[in-house]
C-alpha atoms as a PDB file:
ATOM      1  CA  UNK A   1     -59.538 -55.227  55.367  1.00  0.00           C
ATOM      2  CA  UNK A   2     -61.590 -52.035  55.698  1.00  0.00           C
ATOM      3  CA  UNK A   3     -62.298 -49.217  52.726  1.00  0.00           C
ATOM      4  CA  UNK A   4     -63.264 -45.729  53.083  1.00  0.00           C
ATOM      5  CA  UNK A   5     -65.382 -44.159  50.247  1.00  0.00           C
ATOM      6  CA  UNK A   6     -65.806 -40.404  49.679  1.00  0.00           C
ATOM      7  CA  UNK A   7     -69.155 -38.910  49.578  1.00  0.00           C
ATOM      8  CA  UNK A   8     -70.813 -35.495  49.112  1.00  0.00           C
ATOM      9  CA  UNK A   9     -73.373 -36.488  51.829  1.00  0.00           C
ATOM     10  CA  UNK A  10     -73.073 -34.396  55.010  1.00  0.00           C
ATOM     11  CA  UNK A  11     -70.321 -32.345  53.292  1.00  0.00           C
ATOM     12  CA  UNK A  12     -67.985 -35.342  53.049  1.00  0.00           C
ATOM     13  CA  UNK A  13     -68.085 -36.068  56.837  1.00  0.00           C
ATOM     14  CA  UNK A  14     -69.819 -39.440  56.335  1.00  0.00           C
ATOM     15  CA  UNK A  15     -67.679 -42.690  55.471  1.00  0.00           C
ATOM     16  CA  UNK A  16     -68.598 -46.008  54.163  1.00  0.00           C
ATOM     17  CA  UNK A  17     -66.816 -49.150  55.199  1.00  0.00           C
ATOM     18  CA  UNK A  18     -66.844 -52.704  54.111  1.00  0.00           C
ATOM     19  CA  UNK A  19     -68.203 -55.466  56.310  1.00  0.00           C
ATOM     20  CA  UNK A  20     -64.852 -56.514  57.369  1.00  0.00           C
ATOM     21  CA  UNK A  21     -64.060 -53.169  58.606  1.00  0.00           C
ATOM     22  CA  UNK A  22     -67.152 -52.981  60.813  1.00  0.00           C
ATOM     23  CA  UNK A  23     -66.284 -56.485  62.069  1.00  0.00           C
ATOM     24  CA  UNK A  24     -62.813 -55.144  63.216  1.00  0.00           C
ATOM     25  CA  UNK A  25     -64.670 -52.379  64.925  1.00  0.00           C
ATOM     26  CA  UNK A  26     -67.336 -54.520  66.545  1.00  0.00           C
ATOM     27  CA  UNK A  27     -67.260 -58.281  66.281  1.00  0.00           C
ATOM     28  CA  UNK A  28     -70.959 -58.559  67.123  1.00  0.00           C
ATOM     29  CA  UNK A  29     -71.982 -56.232  64.267  1.00  0.00           C
ATOM     30  CA  UNK A  30     -74.728 -57.723  61.939  1.00  0.00           C
ATOM     31  CA  UNK A  31     -75.327 -55.831  58.678  1.00  0.00           C
ATOM     32  CA  UNK A  32     -78.890 -54.581  58.024  1.00  0.00           C
ATOM     33  CA  UNK A  33     -78.076 -52.977  54.700  1.00  0.00           C
ATOM     34  CA  UNK A  34     -77.125 -54.839  51.497  1.00  0.00           C
ATOM     35  CA  UNK A  35     -75.926 -53.374  48.417  1.00  0.00           C
ATOM     36  CA  UNK A  36     -76.323 -55.594  45.301  1.00  0.00           C
ATOM     37  CA  UNK A  37     -74.589 -54.800  41.945  1.00  0.00           C
ATOM     38  CA  UNK A  38     -76.009 -56.100  38.791  1.00  0.00           C
ATOM     39  CA  UNK A  39     -74.173 -56.771  35.523  1.00  0.00           C
ATOM     40  CA  UNK A  40     -77.312 -55.569  33.662  1.00  0.00           C
ATOM     41  CA  UNK A  41     -78.352 -52.267  35.254  1.00  0.00           C
ATOM     42  CA  UNK A  42     -81.618 -52.137  33.152  1.00  0.00           C
ATOM     43  CA  UNK A  43     -83.022 -55.322  35.156  1.00  0.00           C
ATOM     44  CA  UNK A  44     -82.570 -53.619  38.422  1.00  0.00           C
ATOM     45  CA  UNK A  45     -86.320 -52.726  38.884  1.00  0.00           C
ATOM     46  CA  UNK A  46     -87.202 -56.354  37.940  1.00  0.00           C
ATOM     47  CA  UNK A  47     -84.692 -57.758  40.280  1.00  0.00           C
ATOM     48  CA  UNK A  48     -86.049 -55.574  43.170  1.00  0.00           C
ATOM     49  CA  UNK A  49     -89.600 -56.857  42.436  1.00  0.00           C
ATOM     50  CA  UNK A  50     -88.283 -60.312  42.752  1.00  0.00           C
ATOM     51  CA  UNK A  51     -86.609 -59.656  46.005  1.00  0.00           C
ATOM     52  CA  UNK A  52     -89.835 -57.915  47.515  1.00  0.00           C
ATOM     53  CA  UNK A  53     -92.041 -60.966  46.408  1.00  0.00           C
ATOM     54  CA  UNK A  54     -89.681 -63.613  47.947  1.00  0.00           C
ATOM     55  CA  UNK A  55     -88.516 -61.576  51.270  1.00  0.00           C
ATOM     56  CA  UNK A  56     -91.276 -59.151  51.615  1.00  0.00           C
ATOM     57  CA  UNK A  57     -91.483 -59.829  55.434  1.00  0.00           C
ATOM     58  CA  UNK A  58     -87.606 -59.360  55.936  1.00  0.00           C
ATOM     59  CA  UNK A  59     -87.368 -56.216  53.929  1.00  0.00           C
ATOM     60  CA  UNK A  60     -88.024 -52.898  55.552  1.00  0.00           C
ATOM     61  CA  UNK A  61     -87.150 -50.708  52.258  1.00  0.00           C
ATOM     62  CA  UNK A  62     -85.569 -50.950  48.925  1.00  0.00           C
ATOM     63  CA  UNK A  63     -83.776 -48.316  46.686  1.00  0.00           C
ATOM     64  CA  UNK A  64     -82.945 -48.296  43.139  1.00  0.00           C
ATOM     65  CA  UNK A  65     -79.736 -46.480  42.968  1.00  0.00           C
ATOM     66  CA  UNK A  66     -79.641 -46.596  39.121  1.00  0.00           C
ATOM     67  CA  UNK A  67     -82.843 -44.438  39.085  1.00  0.00           C
ATOM     68  CA  UNK A  68     -81.630 -42.262  41.820  1.00  0.00           C
ATOM     69  CA  UNK A  69     -78.328 -41.554  40.169  1.00  0.00           C
ATOM     70  CA  UNK A  70     -80.104 -41.038  36.758  1.00  0.00           C
ATOM     71  CA  UNK A  71     -82.512 -38.606  38.427  1.00  0.00           C
ATOM     72  CA  UNK A  72     -79.606 -36.835  40.326  1.00  0.00           C
ATOM     73  CA  UNK A  73     -77.598 -36.532  36.967  1.00  0.00           C
ATOM     74  CA  UNK A  74     -80.489 -35.219  35.216  1.00  0.00           C
ATOM     75  CA  UNK A  75     -80.941 -32.473  37.869  1.00  0.00           C
ATOM     76  CA  UNK A  76     -77.231 -31.735  37.928  1.00  0.00           C
ATOM     77  CA  UNK A  77     -77.091 -31.536  34.132  1.00  0.00           C
ATOM     78  CA  UNK A  78     -79.995 -29.188  33.945  1.00  0.00           C
ATOM     79  CA  UNK A  79     -78.439 -27.018  36.805  1.00  0.00           C
ATOM     80  CA  UNK A  80     -75.184 -26.708  35.005  1.00  0.00           C
ATOM     81  CA  UNK A  81     -77.020 -26.018  31.651  1.00  0.00           C
ATOM     82  CA  UNK A  82     -78.924 -23.171  33.247  1.00  0.00           C
ATOM     83  CA  UNK A  83     -75.883 -21.789  34.760  1.00  0.00           C
ATOM     84  CA  UNK A  84     -73.812 -21.858  31.476  1.00  0.00           C
ATOM     85  CA  UNK A  85     -76.649 -20.123  29.791  1.00  0.00           C
ATOM     86  CA  UNK A  86     -76.814 -17.367  32.347  1.00  0.00           C
ATOM     87  CA  UNK A  87     -73.115 -17.009  32.143  1.00  0.00           C
ATOM     88  CA  UNK A  88     -73.045 -16.816  28.286  1.00  0.00           C
ATOM     89  CA  UNK A  89     -75.893 -14.208  28.415  1.00  0.00           C
ATOM     90  CA  UNK A  90     -74.119 -12.055  31.085  1.00  0.00           C
ATOM     91  CA  UNK A  91     -70.987 -12.269  29.006  1.00  0.00           C
ATOM     92  CA  UNK A  92     -72.768 -11.145  25.813  1.00  0.00           C
ATOM     93  CA  UNK A  93     -74.368  -8.356  27.788  1.00  0.00           C
ATOM     94  CA  UNK A  94     -70.994  -7.375  28.903  1.00  0.00           C
ATOM     95  CA  UNK A  95     -69.467  -7.396  25.437  1.00  0.00           C
ATOM     96  CA  UNK A  96     -72.456  -5.379  24.105  1.00  0.00           C
ATOM     97  CA  UNK A  97     -72.031  -2.891  26.698  1.00  0.00           C
ATOM     98  CA  UNK A  98     -68.259  -2.476  26.534  1.00  0.00           C
ATOM     99  CA  UNK A  99     -68.389  -2.366  22.599  1.00  0.00           C
ATOM    100  CA  UNK A 100     -71.387   0.210  22.736  1.00  0.00           C
ATOM    101  CA  UNK A 101     -69.206   2.339  24.945  1.00  0.00           C
ATOM    102  CA  UNK A 102     -65.921   2.011  22.913  1.00  0.00           C
ATOM    103  CA  UNK A 103     -67.489   2.147  19.476  1.00  0.00           C
ATOM    104  CA  UNK A 104     -69.926   5.147  20.473  1.00  0.00           C
ATOM    105  CA  UNK A 105     -66.509   7.179  21.643  1.00  0.00           C
ATOM    106  CA  UNK A 106     -64.820   6.213  18.512  1.00  0.00           C
ATOM    107  CA  UNK A 107     -67.494   7.245  16.235  1.00  0.00           C
ATOM    108  CA  UNK A 108     -68.017  10.599  18.124  1.00  0.00           C
ATOM    109  CA  UNK A 109     -64.253  11.342  18.214  1.00  0.00           C
ATOM    110  CA  UNK A 110     -63.735  10.546  14.410  1.00  0.00           C
ATOM    111  CA  UNK A 111     -66.990  11.893  13.400  1.00  0.00           C
ATOM    112  CA  UNK A 112     -65.357  14.672  11.029  1.00  0.00           C
ATOM    113  CA  UNK A 113     -62.765  12.014   9.645  1.00  0.00           C
ATOM    114  CA  UNK A 114     -65.629   9.665   8.924  1.00  0.00           C
ATOM    115  CA  UNK A 115     -67.575  12.442   7.244  1.00  0.00           C
ATOM    116  CA  UNK A 116     -64.684  13.394   5.127  1.00  0.00           C
ATOM    117  CA  UNK A 117     -64.228   9.748   4.005  1.00  0.00           C
ATOM    118  CA  UNK A 118     -67.838   9.769   3.037  1.00  0.00           C
ATOM    119  CA  UNK A 119     -67.521  12.927   1.079  1.00  0.00           C
ATOM    120  CA  UNK A 120     -64.714  11.703  -0.895  1.00  0.00           C
ATOM    121  CA  UNK A 121     -66.696   8.449  -1.816  1.00  0.00           C
ATOM    122  CA  UNK A 122     -66.215   5.997   0.856  1.00  0.00           C
ATOM    123  CA  UNK A 123     -69.250   3.690   1.390  1.00  0.00           C
ATOM    124  CA  UNK A 124     -70.706   3.076   4.721  1.00  0.00           C
ATOM    125  CA  UNK A 125     -70.208  -0.705   4.434  1.00  0.00           C
ATOM    126  CA  UNK A 126     -66.356  -0.091   3.857  1.00  0.00           C
ATOM    127  CA  UNK A 127     -66.024   2.310   6.872  1.00  0.00           C
ATOM    128  CA  UNK A 128     -68.015  -0.269   9.123  1.00  0.00           C
ATOM    129  CA  UNK A 129     -65.584  -3.102   8.018  1.00  0.00           C
ATOM    130  CA  UNK A 130     -62.621  -0.728   8.465  1.00  0.00           C
ATOM    131  CA  UNK A 131     -63.849   0.105  12.132  1.00  0.00           C
ATOM    132  CA  UNK A 132     -64.920  -3.550  13.111  1.00  0.00           C
ATOM    133  CA  UNK A 133     -61.627  -4.783  11.547  1.00  0.00           C
ATOM    134  CA  UNK A 134     -59.758  -2.632  14.370  1.00  0.00           C
ATOM    135  CA  UNK A 135     -61.358  -4.905  17.125  1.00  0.00           C
ATOM    136  CA  UNK A 136     -60.606  -8.301  15.442  1.00  0.00           C
ATOM    137  CA  UNK A 137     -56.961  -8.749  16.527  1.00  0.00           C
ATOM    138  CA  UNK A 138     -57.404  -7.649  20.029  1.00  0.00           C
ATOM    139  CA  UNK A 139     -60.726  -9.855  20.389  1.00  0.00           C
ATOM    140  CA  UNK A 140     -58.805 -12.814  19.031  1.00  0.00           C
ATOM    141  CA  UNK A 141     -55.840 -12.150  21.292  1.00  0.00           C
ATOM    142  CA  UNK A 142     -57.929 -11.788  24.416  1.00  0.00           C
ATOM    143  CA  UNK A 143     -60.227 -14.764  23.699  1.00  0.00           C
ATOM    144  CA  UNK A 144     -57.323 -17.086  23.036  1.00  0.00           C
ATOM    145  CA  UNK A 145     -55.779 -15.798  26.360  1.00  0.00           C
ATOM    146  CA  UNK A 146     -58.831 -16.350  28.211  1.00  0.00           C
ATOM    147  CA  UNK A 147     -58.934 -19.924  26.791  1.00  0.00           C
ATOM    148  CA  UNK A 148     -55.456 -20.613  28.053  1.00  0.00           C
ATOM    149  CA  UNK A 149     -56.309 -19.406  31.413  1.00  0.00           C
ATOM    150  CA  UNK A 150     -59.447 -21.390  31.631  1.00  0.00           C
ATOM    151  CA  UNK A 151     -57.657 -24.520  30.701  1.00  0.00           C
ATOM    152  CA  UNK A 152     -55.012 -23.958  33.568  1.00  0.00           C
ATOM    153  CA  UNK A 153     -57.349 -22.910  36.266  1.00  0.00           C
ATOM    154  CA  UNK A 154     -60.706 -24.622  35.390  1.00  0.00           C
ATOM    155  CA  UNK A 155     -59.734 -28.068  36.969  1.00  0.00           C
ATOM    156  CA  UNK A 156     -58.561 -26.286  40.110  1.00  0.00           C
ATOM    157  CA  UNK A 157     -61.791 -24.210  40.282  1.00  0.00           C
ATOM    158  CA  UNK A 158     -63.910 -27.602  40.080  1.00  0.00           C
ATOM    159  CA  UNK A 159     -61.778 -29.303  42.609  1.00  0.00           C
ATOM    160  CA  UNK A 160     -62.169 -26.619  45.088  1.00  0.00           C
ATOM    161  CA  UNK A 161     -65.928 -26.433  44.610  1.00  0.00           C
ATOM    162  CA  UNK A 162     -66.383 -30.292  45.125  1.00  0.00           C
ATOM    163  CA  UNK A 163     -63.921 -30.438  47.913  1.00  0.00           C
ATOM    164  CA  UNK A 164     -66.179 -27.822  49.721  1.00  0.00           C
ATOM    165  CA  UNK A 165     -69.035 -30.439  49.614  1.00  0.00           C
ATOM    166  CA  UNK A 166     -66.745 -33.321  50.663  1.00  0.00           C
ATOM    167  CA  UNK A 167     -65.670 -34.821  47.238  1.00  0.00           C
ATOM    168  CA  UNK A 168     -61.841 -34.806  47.554  1.00  0.00           C
ATOM    169  CA  UNK A 169     -60.769 -36.793  44.512  1.00  0.00           C
ATOM    170  CA  UNK A 170     -62.183 -35.309  41.399  1.00  0.00           C
ATOM    171  CA  UNK A 171     -61.100 -35.637  37.981  1.00  0.00           C
ATOM    172  CA  UNK A 172     -62.731 -34.062  34.902  1.00  0.00           C
ATOM    173  CA  UNK A 173     -61.743 -34.079  31.345  1.00  0.00           C
ATOM    174  CA  UNK A 174     -62.225 -31.077  29.124  1.00  0.00           C
ATOM    175  CA  UNK A 175     -62.655 -31.780  25.454  1.00  0.00           C
ATOM    176  CA  UNK A 176     -60.491 -29.373  23.493  1.00  0.00           C
ATOM    177  CA  UNK A 177     -63.239 -29.092  20.811  1.00  0.00           C
ATOM    178  CA  UNK A 178     -65.700 -27.732  23.576  1.00  0.00           C
ATOM    179  CA  UNK A 179     -63.193 -24.790  24.429  1.00  0.00           C
ATOM    180  CA  UNK A 180     -62.595 -24.298  20.624  1.00  0.00           C
ATOM    181  CA  UNK A 181     -66.317 -23.833  19.938  1.00  0.00           C
ATOM    182  CA  UNK A 182     -66.624 -21.332  22.628  1.00  0.00           C
ATOM    183  CA  UNK A 183     -63.615 -19.440  21.454  1.00  0.00           C
ATOM    184  CA  UNK A 184     -65.034 -19.302  17.856  1.00  0.00           C
ATOM    185  CA  UNK A 185     -68.500 -18.255  18.994  1.00  0.00           C
ATOM    186  CA  UNK A 186     -67.323 -15.590  21.227  1.00  0.00           C
ATOM    187  CA  UNK A 187     -65.077 -14.079  18.454  1.00  0.00           C
ATOM    188  CA  UNK A 188     -68.151 -14.281  15.984  1.00  0.00           C
ATOM    189  CA  UNK A 189     -70.481 -12.795  18.365  1.00  0.00           C
ATOM    190  CA  UNK A 190     -68.017  -9.799  19.093  1.00  0.00           C
ATOM    191  CA  UNK A 191     -67.644  -9.142  15.423  1.00  0.00           C
ATOM    192  CA  UNK A 192     -71.414  -9.335  14.783  1.00  0.00           C
ATOM    193  CA  UNK A 193     -72.010  -6.936  17.918  1.00  0.00           C
ATOM    194  CA  UNK A 194     -69.482  -4.589  16.801  1.00  0.00           C
ATOM    195  CA  UNK A 195     -70.900  -4.553  13.303  1.00  0.00           C
ATOM    196  CA  UNK A 196     -74.426  -3.755  14.380  1.00  0.00           C
ATOM    197  CA  UNK A 197     -73.140  -0.997  16.726  1.00  0.00           C
ATOM    198  CA  UNK A 198     -70.643   0.422  13.906  1.00  0.00           C
ATOM    199  CA  UNK A 199     -73.691   1.076  11.721  1.00  0.00           C
ATOM    200  CA  UNK A 200     -74.173   4.299  13.370  1.00  0.00           C
ATOM    201  CA  UNK A 201     -71.715   5.551  10.817  1.00  0.00           C
ATOM    202  CA  UNK A 202     -74.721   5.865   8.380  1.00  0.00           C
ATOM    203  CA  UNK A 203     -76.262   8.651  10.416  1.00  0.00           C
ATOM    204  CA  UNK A 204     -73.243  10.680   9.701  1.00  0.00           C
ATOM    205  CA  UNK A 205     -73.930  13.073   6.937  1.00  0.00           C
ATOM    206  CA  UNK A 206     -71.528  15.430   5.153  1.00  0.00           C
ATOM    207  CA  UNK A 207     -74.273  18.191   5.335  1.00  0.00           C
ATOM    208  CA  UNK A 208     -74.498  18.131   9.097  1.00  0.00           C
ATOM    209  CA  UNK A 209     -70.732  18.553   9.358  1.00  0.00           C
ATOM    210  CA  UNK A 210     -70.666  21.422   7.050  1.00  0.00           C
ATOM    211  CA  UNK A 211     -73.547  23.015   8.990  1.00  0.00           C
ATOM    212  CA  UNK A 212     -71.840  22.314  12.403  1.00  0.00           C
END
């Protein structure tokens, strides 16, 4: 019986086989590497030291895969965290840029109308809320649509990425709560940014409109 194991080493072009698999290919094959799986991973370093003390002459090198995997995982988590932060920052900058252009054009186009509202007694806060309120429905719909598309295509994107480095069977679970938090944060950040930008309404004065 032989077994093949996928690996990201050498872009998936490397295979790992059981001892029986090697014996079928070469009956005279003698293994020079041994994998030891412990029930208690925390004692792996202690076990390695015992083996070194007992078989120091026969051992060329040892490797603690638990530490190696932990190190690789920490590096992977750090890398993913940095990528996520960069994506979030870029997303917020794009939201700010788009809202800046849209809100500035709306205020410029409705400058006279907003000035009349202020002349008849409307407060700046009310006008800001009215302007921002027009963005809330489209923001909610677009964010939920983006959430739905990400749920559909996210797994396919990850599979394609890992397949490129040799991992052909990849399965990830995406907690609903994570997507829900992201959706809520995007909606809140959009409203906050729109509110800050809409405060330009305060600069509109009735006197300047009459003068113009």
